Amino acid sequence: MSDGDWLSPVRLGQHIGMPSRSVIFLLNRLEAAGLIERSREHAERRHVTRRPTPAAQERARAFTETSVAEIAAVLSETDHVGLATSTVVLGRMVEAATAASDRVRAGRPPAVER
């Protein structure tokens, strides 16, 4: 999927591992909150494009700006041993999340090993 590709709620749900009815519910809530807007800008008029509103973009910008500063402060206060340990744990979490996502997309049940 590349930026600008059209996805139906069903396809979006498959991509992120969420049932289509939940995707539709979420999209409707985001629209009601003024965070996304819809338009019919494709040649195929049945395709509805949803994009973030300026308000949503501003909220995302403000969150990113604030969280980057706070995360940078935490990192600057953490010693090398703590950073090395955190790097290993975060790497394992990314691997686990990637594996789970791959299983969801392939329609395989979750692995419950351990």
C-alpha atoms as a PDB file:
ATOM      1  CA  MET A   1       0.000   0.000   0.000  1.00  0.00           C
ATOM      2  CA  SER A   2       1.424   3.370  -0.955  1.00  0.00           C
ATOM      3  CA  ASP A   3       0.325   6.857  -0.020  1.00  0.00           C
ATOM      4  CA  GLY A   4      -2.816   7.699  -1.936  1.00  0.00           C
ATOM      5  CA  ASP A   5      -3.936   4.110  -2.602  1.00  0.00           C
ATOM      6  CA  TRP A   6      -7.687   3.675  -2.190  1.00  0.00           C
ATOM      7  CA  LEU A   7      -8.803   1.173   0.442  1.00  0.00           C
ATOM      8  CA  SER A   8     -12.355   0.213   1.251  1.00  0.00           C
ATOM      9  CA  PRO A   9     -13.180  -0.157   4.949  1.00  0.00           C
ATOM     10  CA  VAL A  10     -13.021  -3.939   4.412  1.00  0.00           C
ATOM     11  CA  ARG A  11      -9.535  -3.757   2.872  1.00  0.00           C
ATOM     12  CA  LEU A  12      -8.367  -1.263   5.478  1.00  0.00           C
ATOM     13  CA  GLY A  13      -9.627  -3.601   8.199  1.00  0.00           C
ATOM     14  CA  GLN A  14      -7.767  -6.524   6.648  1.00  0.00           C
ATOM     15  CA  HIS A  15      -4.627  -4.433   6.425  1.00  0.00           C
ATOM     16  CA  ILE A  16      -4.694  -3.398  10.095  1.00  0.00           C
ATOM     17  CA  GLY A  17      -6.315  -6.548  11.513  1.00  0.00           C
ATOM     18  CA  MET A  18      -9.655  -4.977  12.438  1.00  0.00           C
ATOM     19  CA  PRO A  19     -13.167  -6.109  11.432  1.00  0.00           C
ATOM     20  CA  SER A  20     -14.722  -3.863   8.774  1.00  0.00           C
ATOM     21  CA  ARG A  21     -17.666  -2.961  11.031  1.00  0.00           C
ATOM     22  CA  SER A  22     -15.153  -1.671  13.607  1.00  0.00           C
ATOM     23  CA  VAL A  23     -13.315   0.300  10.923  1.00  0.00           C
ATOM     24  CA  ILE A  24     -16.582   1.893   9.784  1.00  0.00           C
ATOM     25  CA  PHE A  25     -17.528   2.698  13.395  1.00  0.00           C
ATOM     26  CA  LEU A  26     -14.112   4.278  13.968  1.00  0.00           C
ATOM     27  CA  LEU A  27     -14.242   6.279  10.725  1.00  0.00           C
ATOM     28  CA  ASN A  28     -17.716   7.558  11.627  1.00  0.00           C
ATOM     29  CA  ARG A  29     -16.514   8.585  15.095  1.00  0.00           C
ATOM     30  CA  LEU A  30     -13.488  10.374  13.649  1.00  0.00           C
ATOM     31  CA  GLU A  31     -15.728  12.187  11.183  1.00  0.00           C
ATOM     32  CA  ALA A  32     -18.230  13.162  13.902  1.00  0.00           C
ATOM     33  CA  ALA A  33     -15.334  14.533  15.961  1.00  0.00           C
ATOM     34  CA  GLY A  34     -14.227  16.677  13.019  1.00  0.00           C
ATOM     35  CA  LEU A  35     -10.962  14.804  12.569  1.00  0.00           C
ATOM     36  CA  ILE A  36     -11.586  13.399   9.094  1.00  0.00           C
ATOM     37  CA  GLU A  37     -13.664  14.536   6.162  1.00  0.00           C
ATOM     38  CA  ARG A  38     -14.922  12.590   3.206  1.00  0.00           C
ATOM     39  CA  SER A  39     -15.094  13.403  -0.477  1.00  0.00           C
ATOM     40  CA  ARG A  40     -15.783  11.629  -3.749  1.00  0.00           C
ATOM     41  CA  GLU A  41     -12.801  12.584  -5.834  1.00  0.00           C
ATOM     42  CA  HIS A  42     -12.209   9.392  -7.811  1.00  0.00           C
ATOM     43  CA  ALA A  43     -13.556   8.617 -11.282  1.00  0.00           C
ATOM     44  CA  GLU A  44     -15.349   5.714  -9.599  1.00  0.00           C
ATOM     45  CA  ARG A  45     -17.900   7.776  -7.641  1.00  0.00           C
ATOM     46  CA  ARG A  46     -18.589   4.943  -5.208  1.00  0.00           C
ATOM     47  CA  HIS A  47     -15.098   5.404  -3.750  1.00  0.00           C
ATOM     48  CA  VAL A  48     -15.143   7.749  -0.788  1.00  0.00           C
ATOM     49  CA  THR A  49     -11.856   9.322   0.216  1.00  0.00           C
ATOM     50  CA  ARG A  50     -11.338  10.234   3.835  1.00  0.00           C
ATOM     51  CA  ARG A  51      -8.630  12.687   4.767  1.00  0.00           C
ATOM     52  CA  PRO A  52      -7.548  14.303   8.024  1.00  0.00           C
ATOM     53  CA  THR A  53      -8.992  17.758   8.616  1.00  0.00           C
ATOM     54  CA  PRO A  54      -6.755  20.738   9.372  1.00  0.00           C
ATOM     55  CA  ALA A  55      -7.808  20.371  13.032  1.00  0.00           C
ATOM     56  CA  ALA A  56      -6.620  16.746  13.067  1.00  0.00           C
ATOM     57  CA  GLN A  57      -3.358  17.710  11.399  1.00  0.00           C
ATOM     58  CA  GLU A  58      -2.785  20.416  13.993  1.00  0.00           C
ATOM     59  CA  ARG A  59      -3.517  18.013  16.856  1.00  0.00           C
ATOM     60  CA  ALA A  60      -1.097  15.475  15.371  1.00  0.00           C
ATOM     61  CA  ARG A  61       1.568  18.163  14.921  1.00  0.00           C
ATOM     62  CA  ALA A  62       1.151  19.410  18.502  1.00  0.00           C
ATOM     63  CA  PHE A  63       1.259  15.874  19.901  1.00  0.00           C
ATOM     64  CA  THR A  64       4.352  14.989  17.891  1.00  0.00           C
ATOM     65  CA  GLU A  65       6.141  18.181  18.857  1.00  0.00           C
ATOM     66  CA  THR A  66       5.392  17.692  22.550  1.00  0.00           C
ATOM     67  CA  SER A  67       6.100  13.971  22.671  1.00  0.00           C
ATOM     68  CA  VAL A  68       9.397  14.321  20.781  1.00  0.00           C
ATOM     69  CA  ALA A  69      10.612  16.865  23.334  1.00  0.00           C
ATOM     70  CA  GLU A  70       9.523  14.704  26.277  1.00  0.00           C
ATOM     71  CA  ILE A  71      11.022  11.517  24.812  1.00  0.00           C
ATOM     72  CA  ALA A  72      14.287  13.338  24.082  1.00  0.00           C
ATOM     73  CA  ALA A  73      14.427  14.477  27.719  1.00  0.00           C
ATOM     74  CA  VAL A  74      13.923  10.913  28.970  1.00  0.00           C
ATOM     75  CA  LEU A  75      16.591   9.570  26.618  1.00  0.00           C
ATOM     76  CA  SER A  76      19.101  12.223  27.685  1.00  0.00           C
ATOM     77  CA  GLU A  77      18.551  11.239  31.337  1.00  0.00           C
ATOM     78  CA  THR A  78      18.981   7.484  30.715  1.00  0.00           C
ATOM     79  CA  ASP A  79      22.399   5.846  31.079  1.00  0.00           C
ATOM     80  CA  HIS A  80      23.972   3.619  28.413  1.00  0.00           C
ATOM     81  CA  VAL A  81      23.045   0.373  30.183  1.00  0.00           C
ATOM     82  CA  GLY A  82      19.412   1.430  30.416  1.00  0.00           C
ATOM     83  CA  LEU A  83      19.380   2.425  26.757  1.00  0.00           C
ATOM     84  CA  ALA A  84      20.955  -0.890  25.693  1.00  0.00           C
ATOM     85  CA  THR A  85      18.415  -2.881  27.704  1.00  0.00           C
ATOM     86  CA  SER A  86      15.538  -0.798  26.353  1.00  0.00           C
ATOM     87  CA  THR A  87      16.794  -1.266  22.801  1.00  0.00           C
ATOM     88  CA  VAL A  88      16.722  -5.058  23.186  1.00  0.00           C
ATOM     89  CA  VAL A  89      13.234  -5.052  24.727  1.00  0.00           C
ATOM     90  CA  LEU A  90      11.824  -2.668  22.112  1.00  0.00           C
ATOM     91  CA  GLY A  91      13.379  -4.741  19.320  1.00  0.00           C
ATOM     92  CA  ARG A  92      11.693  -7.872  20.652  1.00  0.00           C
ATOM     93  CA  MET A  93       8.374  -6.020  20.937  1.00  0.00           C
ATOM     94  CA  VAL A  94       8.633  -4.868  17.315  1.00  0.00           C
ATOM     95  CA  GLU A  95       9.380  -8.430  16.209  1.00  0.00           C
ATOM     96  CA  ALA A  96       6.375  -9.753  18.147  1.00  0.00           C
ATOM     97  CA  ALA A  97       4.042  -7.066  16.786  1.00  0.00           C
ATOM     98  CA  THR A  98       5.272  -7.665  13.230  1.00  0.00           C
ATOM     99  CA  ALA A  99       4.750 -11.420  13.546  1.00  0.00           C
ATOM    100  CA  ALA A 100       1.249 -10.907  14.964  1.00  0.00           C
ATOM    101  CA  SER A 101       0.383  -8.473  12.186  1.00  0.00           C
ATOM    102  CA  ASP A 102       1.631 -10.904   9.552  1.00  0.00           C
ATOM    103  CA  ARG A 103      -0.511 -13.688  11.075  1.00  0.00           C
ATOM    104  CA  VAL A 104      -3.606 -11.475  11.131  1.00  0.00           C
ATOM    105  CA  ARG A 105      -3.123 -10.496   7.488  1.00  0.00           C
ATOM    106  CA  ALA A 106      -2.660 -14.150   6.530  1.00  0.00           C
ATOM    107  CA  GLY A 107      -5.764 -15.171   8.478  1.00  0.00           C
ATOM    108  CA  ARG A 108      -3.820 -17.417  10.845  1.00  0.00           C
ATOM    109  CA  PRO A 109      -4.699 -17.674  14.536  1.00  0.00           C
ATOM    110  CA  PRO A 110      -2.479 -15.904  17.043  1.00  0.00           C
ATOM    111  CA  ALA A 111       0.487 -17.784  18.421  1.00  0.00           C
ATOM    112  CA  VAL A 112       0.179 -18.487  22.129  1.00  0.00           C
ATOM    113  CA  GLU A 113       3.526 -20.069  22.891  1.00  0.00           C
ATOM    114  CA  ARG A 114       5.450 -19.192  26.085  1.00  0.00           C
END
